Each structure stands twice: as structure tokens, then as C-alpha cells.
Amino acid sequence: MPNILHYSVVGLQDFNISFESYCRPCDIQKYCKFGNETPFTATINCNDLNKAKETIKLEQLQKLQKTEDVSVSYEELLKKVKVNLQGIFSTIWKEKIKDHKEEIRCLNSRKVDSMLVAQQGQDWWSDFNATMKVINDECEKIM
């Protein structure tokens, strides 16, 4: 079962996700830029999250408008639009965490055994995904 990472509200619509629970001394971590004193954090903005959802909705709506009958109302079309939150979370994961693998040695398979990286990455992703679901719910309350 994934854990919810430590997150905090910063400003009106920003959330900081901290990976401090992973900042424990070990052979891998001793080379990392981040540790207990400066844990790796990622900032999530509600506007960015909502913009990503709206972009997906718009793309799907435009496709539906081309394929559906003209008599179908806009509201009925909207009901058929499905937003895949996992895809959005995955994109955020790639941009905010995975692309920083030089700073996060645990996720860099060129510097650490790829089996360890795969396991660590899977654990981090699982916890990040669970945390993003909570943050998404919070953002929906705000917006």
C-alpha cells in the first residue's frame, strides 16, 4: 500500500511534496545533493494541474465533435469526455522528479544498480501517485 508523502500548502494554490521520508543515510544517498536537511521537493501548482485536465478535455471534445452527430448537445458530449489523471500525474512525475535523476542518485540507473533503481522508482512513483490524488482533491476544492 503506498504512503502519502509529506506535502504542504505554499501560497494559495501551490503544494510542496517532500521526499524527506526517503532521505535516510545509505550507500546510495551519500552521493546525493539532497538529504534530511535539504530533502528533495517538487512544487505542484493547482493551475497547472487544472490546465492539464482542461487541455485533455478540449482535445477529446474536439475529437468527439468530429465523430458525433450534430444533434448531440454540448452537455452530452462533455459527459463522454474522460480525463485520465494517471497520464497527467505521469507527465508531472517525469518533468518534476524523473528528469532530475542526476540530483537524485537513487533514480539514476547509470550510477546505481538498475534493479535497485527500478525498485526505488516504483516505490517513489507509488507514493507520489497517492499523494497527487490527495492534492488533486484539494485543488478541486480550491478551484
N, C-alpha and C. Protein backbone atom coordinates (compact mmCIF):
# COMPACT_ATOMS: atom_id res chain seq x y z
N MET A 1 0.85 -1.18 0.00
CA MET A 1 0.00 0.00 0.00
C MET A 1 0.89 1.24 0.00
N PRO A 2 0.67 2.16 -0.91
CA PRO A 2 1.51 3.36 -0.98
C PRO A 2 1.29 4.29 0.21
N ASN A 3 2.34 5.02 0.52
CA ASN A 3 2.28 6.01 1.59
C ASN A 3 2.00 7.37 0.98
N ILE A 4 1.34 8.23 1.75
CA ILE A 4 1.17 9.61 1.33
C ILE A 4 2.45 10.34 1.74
N LEU A 5 3.10 10.97 0.78
CA LEU A 5 4.30 11.73 1.08
C LEU A 5 3.92 12.99 1.85
N HIS A 6 4.89 13.55 2.54
CA HIS A 6 4.65 14.80 3.26
C HIS A 6 4.43 15.91 2.23
N TYR A 7 3.33 16.62 2.34
CA TYR A 7 3.09 17.75 1.45
C TYR A 7 2.56 18.91 2.27
N SER A 8 2.80 20.11 1.75
CA SER A 8 2.33 21.29 2.47
C SER A 8 1.83 22.31 1.46
N VAL A 9 0.93 23.17 1.93
CA VAL A 9 0.39 24.23 1.08
C VAL A 9 1.35 25.41 1.15
N VAL A 10 1.71 25.92 -0.02
CA VAL A 10 2.59 27.08 -0.10
C VAL A 10 1.85 28.10 -0.96
N GLY A 11 1.44 29.20 -0.39
CA GLY A 11 0.65 30.16 -1.14
C GLY A 11 -0.79 29.68 -1.24
N LEU A 12 -1.49 30.22 -2.22
CA LEU A 12 -2.91 29.88 -2.35
C LEU A 12 -3.15 28.59 -3.12
N GLN A 13 -2.33 28.33 -4.13
CA GLN A 13 -2.60 27.19 -5.00
C GLN A 13 -1.39 26.31 -5.26
N ASP A 14 -0.36 26.42 -4.44
CA ASP A 14 0.84 25.62 -4.62
C ASP A 14 0.98 24.61 -3.49
N PHE A 15 1.44 23.43 -3.84
CA PHE A 15 1.72 22.39 -2.87
C PHE A 15 3.16 21.93 -3.05
N ASN A 16 3.89 21.81 -1.96
CA ASN A 16 5.23 21.24 -1.98
C ASN A 16 5.14 19.80 -1.53
N ILE A 17 5.64 18.90 -2.37
CA ILE A 17 5.72 17.49 -1.99
C ILE A 17 7.16 17.24 -1.60
N SER A 18 7.36 16.70 -0.41
CA SER A 18 8.70 16.44 0.09
C SER A 18 8.96 14.94 0.13
N PHE A 19 10.13 14.56 -0.35
CA PHE A 19 10.54 13.16 -0.31
C PHE A 19 11.45 12.91 0.89
N GLU A 20 11.20 13.66 1.97
CA GLU A 20 12.07 13.57 3.15
C GLU A 20 12.07 12.18 3.77
N SER A 21 10.99 11.43 3.63
CA SER A 21 10.97 10.09 4.21
C SER A 21 11.97 9.16 3.51
N TYR A 22 12.43 9.54 2.32
CA TYR A 22 13.42 8.75 1.60
C TYR A 22 14.84 9.23 1.88
N CYS A 23 14.99 10.30 2.62
CA CYS A 23 16.31 10.89 2.85
C CYS A 23 16.97 10.28 4.08
N ARG A 24 17.24 9.02 4.00
CA ARG A 24 17.93 8.36 5.09
C ARG A 24 19.33 7.99 4.60
N PRO A 25 20.30 8.05 5.47
CA PRO A 25 21.68 7.75 5.04
C PRO A 25 21.80 6.30 4.57
N CYS A 26 22.40 6.13 3.43
CA CYS A 26 22.69 4.80 2.90
C CYS A 26 23.82 4.96 1.88
N ASP A 27 24.30 3.86 1.36
CA ASP A 27 25.41 3.93 0.40
C ASP A 27 25.06 4.76 -0.82
N ILE A 28 23.82 4.66 -1.26
CA ILE A 28 23.39 5.40 -2.45
C ILE A 28 23.27 6.89 -2.11
N GLN A 29 22.61 7.19 -0.99
CA GLN A 29 22.28 8.57 -0.65
C GLN A 29 23.49 9.44 -0.32
N LYS A 30 24.61 8.85 0.09
CA LYS A 30 25.73 9.68 0.50
C LYS A 30 26.27 10.55 -0.64
N TYR A 31 25.93 10.21 -1.88
CA TYR A 31 26.37 10.99 -3.03
C TYR A 31 25.31 11.99 -3.50
N CYS A 32 24.14 11.96 -2.89
CA CYS A 32 23.04 12.80 -3.34
C CYS A 32 23.20 14.24 -2.86
N LYS A 33 22.62 15.16 -3.62
CA LYS A 33 22.57 16.56 -3.21
C LYS A 33 21.59 16.74 -2.06
N PHE A 34 20.60 15.87 -2.00
CA PHE A 34 19.51 16.01 -1.05
C PHE A 34 19.68 15.04 0.10
N GLY A 35 19.20 15.43 1.27
CA GLY A 35 19.26 14.57 2.44
C GLY A 35 18.23 15.02 3.45
N ASN A 36 18.42 14.66 4.71
CA ASN A 36 17.47 15.03 5.75
C ASN A 36 17.36 16.55 5.91
N GLU A 37 18.49 17.24 5.78
CA GLU A 37 18.46 18.69 5.98
C GLU A 37 17.88 19.45 4.80
N THR A 38 18.09 18.94 3.60
CA THR A 38 17.52 19.56 2.39
C THR A 38 16.88 18.46 1.54
N PRO A 39 15.70 18.00 1.93
CA PRO A 39 15.06 16.92 1.17
C PRO A 39 14.63 17.39 -0.22
N PHE A 40 14.57 16.45 -1.14
CA PHE A 40 14.09 16.75 -2.48
C PHE A 40 12.61 17.09 -2.40
N THR A 41 12.23 18.22 -3.02
CA THR A 41 10.83 18.61 -3.04
C THR A 41 10.40 18.94 -4.46
N ALA A 42 9.15 18.78 -4.73
CA ALA A 42 8.55 19.15 -6.01
C ALA A 42 7.35 20.04 -5.72
N THR A 43 7.23 21.13 -6.47
CA THR A 43 6.11 22.05 -6.27
C THR A 43 5.05 21.79 -7.33
N ILE A 44 3.84 21.61 -6.88
CA ILE A 44 2.70 21.36 -7.76
C ILE A 44 1.76 22.56 -7.66
N ASN A 45 1.42 23.12 -8.79
CA ASN A 45 0.52 24.27 -8.83
C ASN A 45 -0.86 23.80 -9.30
N CYS A 46 -1.90 24.17 -8.58
CA CYS A 46 -3.26 23.77 -8.94
C CYS A 46 -3.63 24.25 -10.34
N ASN A 47 -3.19 25.44 -10.70
CA ASN A 47 -3.50 25.95 -12.05
C ASN A 47 -2.91 25.05 -13.12
N ASP A 48 -1.68 24.58 -12.91
CA ASP A 48 -1.04 23.68 -13.88
C ASP A 48 -1.80 22.36 -13.99
N LEU A 49 -2.22 21.86 -12.84
CA LEU A 49 -2.97 20.60 -12.81
C LEU A 49 -4.30 20.76 -13.54
N ASN A 50 -5.02 21.83 -13.24
CA ASN A 50 -6.30 22.07 -13.89
C ASN A 50 -6.14 22.37 -15.38
N LYS A 51 -5.09 23.08 -15.74
CA LYS A 51 -4.83 23.37 -17.15
C LYS A 51 -4.59 22.07 -17.93
N ALA A 52 -3.84 21.16 -17.34
CA ALA A 52 -3.59 19.87 -17.99
C ALA A 52 -4.90 19.11 -18.19
N LYS A 53 -5.77 19.12 -17.18
CA LYS A 53 -7.07 18.44 -17.30
C LYS A 53 -7.92 19.10 -18.38
N GLU A 54 -7.94 20.41 -18.40
CA GLU A 54 -8.75 21.14 -19.39
C GLU A 54 -8.22 20.91 -20.81
N THR A 55 -6.91 20.83 -20.96
CA THR A 55 -6.32 20.58 -22.28
C THR A 55 -6.75 19.22 -22.81
N ILE A 56 -6.72 18.22 -21.93
CA ILE A 56 -7.15 16.87 -22.33
C ILE A 56 -8.64 16.87 -22.67
N LYS A 57 -9.44 17.55 -21.85
CA LYS A 57 -10.88 17.64 -22.13
C LYS A 57 -11.13 18.28 -23.49
N LEU A 58 -10.43 19.37 -23.77
CA LEU A 58 -10.60 20.07 -25.04
C LEU A 58 -10.24 19.18 -26.22
N GLU A 59 -9.12 18.48 -26.12
CA GLU A 59 -8.70 17.58 -27.20
C GLU A 59 -9.74 16.50 -27.45
N GLN A 60 -10.23 15.89 -26.37
CA GLN A 60 -11.23 14.84 -26.52
C GLN A 60 -12.54 15.40 -27.06
N LEU A 61 -12.91 16.58 -26.60
CA LEU A 61 -14.15 17.22 -27.05
C LEU A 61 -14.08 17.51 -28.55
N GLN A 62 -12.94 18.00 -29.01
CA GLN A 62 -12.78 18.30 -30.44
C GLN A 62 -12.87 17.03 -31.27
N LYS A 63 -12.31 15.93 -30.78
CA LYS A 63 -12.41 14.65 -31.50
C LYS A 63 -13.86 14.17 -31.54
N LEU A 64 -14.54 14.30 -30.40
CA LEU A 64 -15.95 13.87 -30.33
C LEU A 64 -16.83 14.70 -31.26
N GLN A 65 -16.56 15.99 -31.33
CA GLN A 65 -17.37 16.86 -32.19
C GLN A 65 -17.24 16.46 -33.65
N LYS A 66 -16.12 15.92 -34.03
CA LYS A 66 -15.92 15.48 -35.42
C LYS A 66 -16.62 14.17 -35.70
N THR A 67 -16.75 13.32 -34.67
CA THR A 67 -17.31 11.99 -34.91
C THR A 67 -18.79 11.86 -34.54
N GLU A 68 -19.25 12.66 -33.59
CA GLU A 68 -20.63 12.56 -33.13
C GLU A 68 -21.57 13.30 -34.08
N ASP A 69 -22.83 12.93 -33.99
CA ASP A 69 -23.87 13.58 -34.77
C ASP A 69 -24.01 15.04 -34.32
N VAL A 70 -24.37 15.89 -35.24
CA VAL A 70 -24.51 17.33 -34.97
C VAL A 70 -25.61 17.60 -33.94
N SER A 71 -26.59 16.74 -33.86
CA SER A 71 -27.71 16.96 -32.94
C SER A 71 -27.34 16.70 -31.47
N VAL A 72 -26.19 16.08 -31.22
CA VAL A 72 -25.77 15.80 -29.84
C VAL A 72 -25.38 17.12 -29.17
N SER A 73 -25.98 17.35 -27.98
CA SER A 73 -25.72 18.62 -27.29
C SER A 73 -24.31 18.65 -26.68
N TYR A 74 -23.88 19.86 -26.38
CA TYR A 74 -22.56 20.08 -25.77
C TYR A 74 -22.46 19.36 -24.43
N GLU A 75 -23.51 19.41 -23.63
CA GLU A 75 -23.53 18.75 -22.32
C GLU A 75 -23.38 17.24 -22.46
N GLU A 76 -24.04 16.67 -23.47
CA GLU A 76 -23.93 15.23 -23.70
C GLU A 76 -22.52 14.86 -24.13
N LEU A 77 -21.91 15.72 -24.94
CA LEU A 77 -20.52 15.48 -25.34
C LEU A 77 -19.58 15.53 -24.14
N LEU A 78 -19.82 16.50 -23.26
CA LEU A 78 -18.98 16.62 -22.06
C LEU A 78 -19.05 15.38 -21.17
N LYS A 79 -20.22 14.75 -21.13
CA LYS A 79 -20.38 13.55 -20.32
C LYS A 79 -19.53 12.40 -20.86
N LYS A 80 -19.24 12.42 -22.14
CA LYS A 80 -18.45 11.36 -22.76
C LYS A 80 -16.94 11.58 -22.62
N VAL A 81 -16.56 12.76 -22.21
CA VAL A 81 -15.14 13.08 -22.06
C VAL A 81 -14.62 12.48 -20.76
N LYS A 82 -13.55 11.73 -20.85
CA LYS A 82 -12.92 11.11 -19.68
C LYS A 82 -11.49 11.62 -19.57
N VAL A 83 -11.14 12.13 -18.39
CA VAL A 83 -9.79 12.61 -18.14
C VAL A 83 -9.03 11.53 -17.39
N ASN A 84 -7.90 11.11 -17.95
CA ASN A 84 -7.06 10.11 -17.32
C ASN A 84 -6.06 10.82 -16.40
N LEU A 85 -6.35 10.84 -15.12
CA LEU A 85 -5.48 11.52 -14.15
C LEU A 85 -4.11 10.85 -14.09
N GLN A 86 -4.06 9.54 -14.30
CA GLN A 86 -2.77 8.84 -14.25
C GLN A 86 -1.81 9.39 -15.30
N GLY A 87 -2.33 9.70 -16.47
CA GLY A 87 -1.49 10.27 -17.53
C GLY A 87 -0.94 11.63 -17.13
N ILE A 88 -1.78 12.44 -16.49
CA ILE A 88 -1.35 13.77 -16.03
C ILE A 88 -0.31 13.62 -14.93
N PHE A 89 -0.58 12.73 -13.97
CA PHE A 89 0.37 12.52 -12.88
C PHE A 89 1.69 11.99 -13.42
N SER A 90 1.61 11.12 -14.41
CA SER A 90 2.82 10.56 -15.02
C SER A 90 3.67 11.63 -15.68
N THR A 91 3.02 12.57 -16.36
CA THR A 91 3.74 13.67 -17.00
C THR A 91 4.41 14.55 -15.94
N ILE A 92 3.69 14.85 -14.88
CA ILE A 92 4.25 15.65 -13.78
C ILE A 92 5.43 14.90 -13.16
N TRP A 93 5.29 13.59 -12.96
CA TRP A 93 6.35 12.75 -12.41
C TRP A 93 7.61 12.86 -13.28
N LYS A 94 7.41 12.74 -14.57
CA LYS A 94 8.55 12.79 -15.48
C LYS A 94 9.24 14.15 -15.43
N GLU A 95 8.45 15.22 -15.47
CA GLU A 95 9.01 16.57 -15.52
C GLU A 95 9.61 17.02 -14.19
N LYS A 96 8.97 16.67 -13.09
CA LYS A 96 9.39 17.22 -11.80
C LYS A 96 10.29 16.30 -11.00
N ILE A 97 10.27 15.01 -11.28
CA ILE A 97 11.08 14.09 -10.50
C ILE A 97 12.07 13.33 -11.36
N LYS A 98 11.58 12.57 -12.30
CA LYS A 98 12.45 11.69 -13.08
C LYS A 98 13.50 12.44 -13.88
N ASP A 99 13.18 13.62 -14.38
CA ASP A 99 14.15 14.40 -15.14
C ASP A 99 15.28 14.95 -14.28
N HIS A 100 15.16 14.81 -12.96
CA HIS A 100 16.20 15.29 -12.04
C HIS A 100 17.04 14.13 -11.52
N LYS A 101 17.20 13.09 -12.33
CA LYS A 101 17.89 11.90 -11.85
C LYS A 101 19.37 12.13 -11.56
N GLU A 102 19.95 13.17 -12.14
CA GLU A 102 21.34 13.49 -11.81
C GLU A 102 21.46 13.94 -10.36
N GLU A 103 20.44 14.65 -9.88
CA GLU A 103 20.45 15.10 -8.49
C GLU A 103 19.94 14.01 -7.55
N ILE A 104 19.10 13.12 -8.07
CA ILE A 104 18.54 12.06 -7.24
C ILE A 104 19.21 10.76 -7.66
N ARG A 105 20.31 10.46 -7.05
CA ARG A 105 21.11 9.31 -7.43
C ARG A 105 20.31 8.01 -7.40
N CYS A 106 19.35 7.91 -6.50
CA CYS A 106 18.55 6.68 -6.36
C CYS A 106 17.77 6.35 -7.63
N LEU A 107 17.51 7.36 -8.46
CA LEU A 107 16.72 7.12 -9.68
C LEU A 107 17.58 7.17 -10.94
N ASN A 108 18.89 7.04 -10.79
CA ASN A 108 19.80 7.12 -11.93
C ASN A 108 20.45 5.76 -12.16
N SER A 109 19.96 5.03 -13.15
CA SER A 109 20.44 3.67 -13.39
C SER A 109 21.87 3.64 -13.95
N ARG A 110 22.41 4.78 -14.37
CA ARG A 110 23.80 4.80 -14.83
C ARG A 110 24.77 4.83 -13.66
N LYS A 111 24.30 5.21 -12.48
CA LYS A 111 25.18 5.33 -11.32
C LYS A 111 24.90 4.29 -10.24
N VAL A 112 23.75 3.69 -10.31
CA VAL A 112 23.33 2.71 -9.30
C VAL A 112 22.77 1.50 -10.03
N ASP A 113 22.85 0.35 -9.41
CA ASP A 113 22.33 -0.89 -9.99
C ASP A 113 20.89 -0.69 -10.48
N SER A 114 20.65 -1.08 -11.71
CA SER A 114 19.34 -0.82 -12.32
C SER A 114 18.20 -1.52 -11.58
N MET A 115 18.46 -2.66 -10.96
CA MET A 115 17.40 -3.33 -10.18
C MET A 115 17.01 -2.48 -8.96
N LEU A 116 18.01 -1.89 -8.30
CA LEU A 116 17.71 -1.02 -7.16
C LEU A 116 16.96 0.22 -7.61
N VAL A 117 17.37 0.77 -8.75
CA VAL A 117 16.72 1.96 -9.28
C VAL A 117 15.27 1.66 -9.64
N ALA A 118 15.03 0.52 -10.27
CA ALA A 118 13.67 0.14 -10.65
C ALA A 118 12.78 0.01 -9.42
N GLN A 119 13.30 -0.66 -8.38
CA GLN A 119 12.51 -0.83 -7.15
C GLN A 119 12.27 0.51 -6.47
N GLN A 120 13.33 1.32 -6.36
CA GLN A 120 13.20 2.63 -5.72
C GLN A 120 12.23 3.51 -6.50
N GLY A 121 12.38 3.52 -7.83
CA GLY A 121 11.49 4.32 -8.67
C GLY A 121 10.04 3.91 -8.53
N GLN A 122 9.81 2.61 -8.45
CA GLN A 122 8.45 2.10 -8.31
C GLN A 122 7.85 2.54 -6.97
N ASP A 123 8.65 2.48 -5.91
CA ASP A 123 8.18 2.91 -4.59
C ASP A 123 7.88 4.41 -4.60
N TRP A 124 8.80 5.19 -5.15
CA TRP A 124 8.61 6.64 -5.20
C TRP A 124 7.37 6.98 -6.02
N TRP A 125 7.22 6.33 -7.18
CA TRP A 125 6.08 6.61 -8.06
C TRP A 125 4.76 6.28 -7.35
N SER A 126 4.72 5.15 -6.69
CA SER A 126 3.51 4.73 -6.00
C SER A 126 3.10 5.75 -4.94
N ASP A 127 4.07 6.19 -4.15
CA ASP A 127 3.79 7.18 -3.11
C ASP A 127 3.44 8.54 -3.71
N PHE A 128 4.16 8.92 -4.77
CA PHE A 128 3.89 10.20 -5.44
C PHE A 128 2.48 10.19 -6.03
N ASN A 129 2.09 9.10 -6.66
CA ASN A 129 0.77 8.97 -7.27
C ASN A 129 -0.33 9.09 -6.21
N ALA A 130 -0.15 8.42 -5.08
CA ALA A 130 -1.14 8.51 -3.99
C ALA A 130 -1.23 9.94 -3.47
N THR A 131 -0.09 10.60 -3.34
CA THR A 131 -0.07 11.99 -2.87
C THR A 131 -0.73 12.92 -3.87
N MET A 132 -0.48 12.69 -5.15
CA MET A 132 -1.08 13.53 -6.19
C MET A 132 -2.60 13.41 -6.19
N LYS A 133 -3.12 12.25 -5.89
CA LYS A 133 -4.58 12.09 -5.81
C LYS A 133 -5.15 12.98 -4.70
N VAL A 134 -4.46 13.02 -3.57
CA VAL A 134 -4.90 13.87 -2.45
C VAL A 134 -4.80 15.34 -2.84
N ILE A 135 -3.69 15.72 -3.47
CA ILE A 135 -3.50 17.11 -3.89
C ILE A 135 -4.53 17.50 -4.94
N ASN A 136 -4.83 16.59 -5.86
CA ASN A 136 -5.85 16.86 -6.87
C ASN A 136 -7.21 17.13 -6.21
N ASP A 137 -7.55 16.35 -5.22
CA ASP A 137 -8.81 16.58 -4.48
C ASP A 137 -8.79 17.95 -3.81
N GLU A 138 -7.65 18.31 -3.22
CA GLU A 138 -7.53 19.64 -2.58
C GLU A 138 -7.67 20.75 -3.61
N CYS A 139 -7.04 20.57 -4.77
CA CYS A 139 -7.11 21.59 -5.83
C CYS A 139 -8.54 21.76 -6.33
N GLU A 140 -9.30 20.67 -6.42
CA GLU A 140 -10.68 20.76 -6.87
C GLU A 140 -11.53 21.54 -5.87
N LYS A 141 -11.19 21.46 -4.58
CA LYS A 141 -11.90 22.24 -3.57
C LYS A 141 -11.59 23.72 -3.73
N ILE A 142 -10.34 24.02 -4.08
CA ILE A 142 -9.91 25.41 -4.23
C ILE A 142 -10.50 26.06 -5.47
N MET A 143 -10.49 25.34 -6.57
CA MET A 143 -10.90 25.91 -7.86
C MET A 143 -12.38 25.99 -7.99
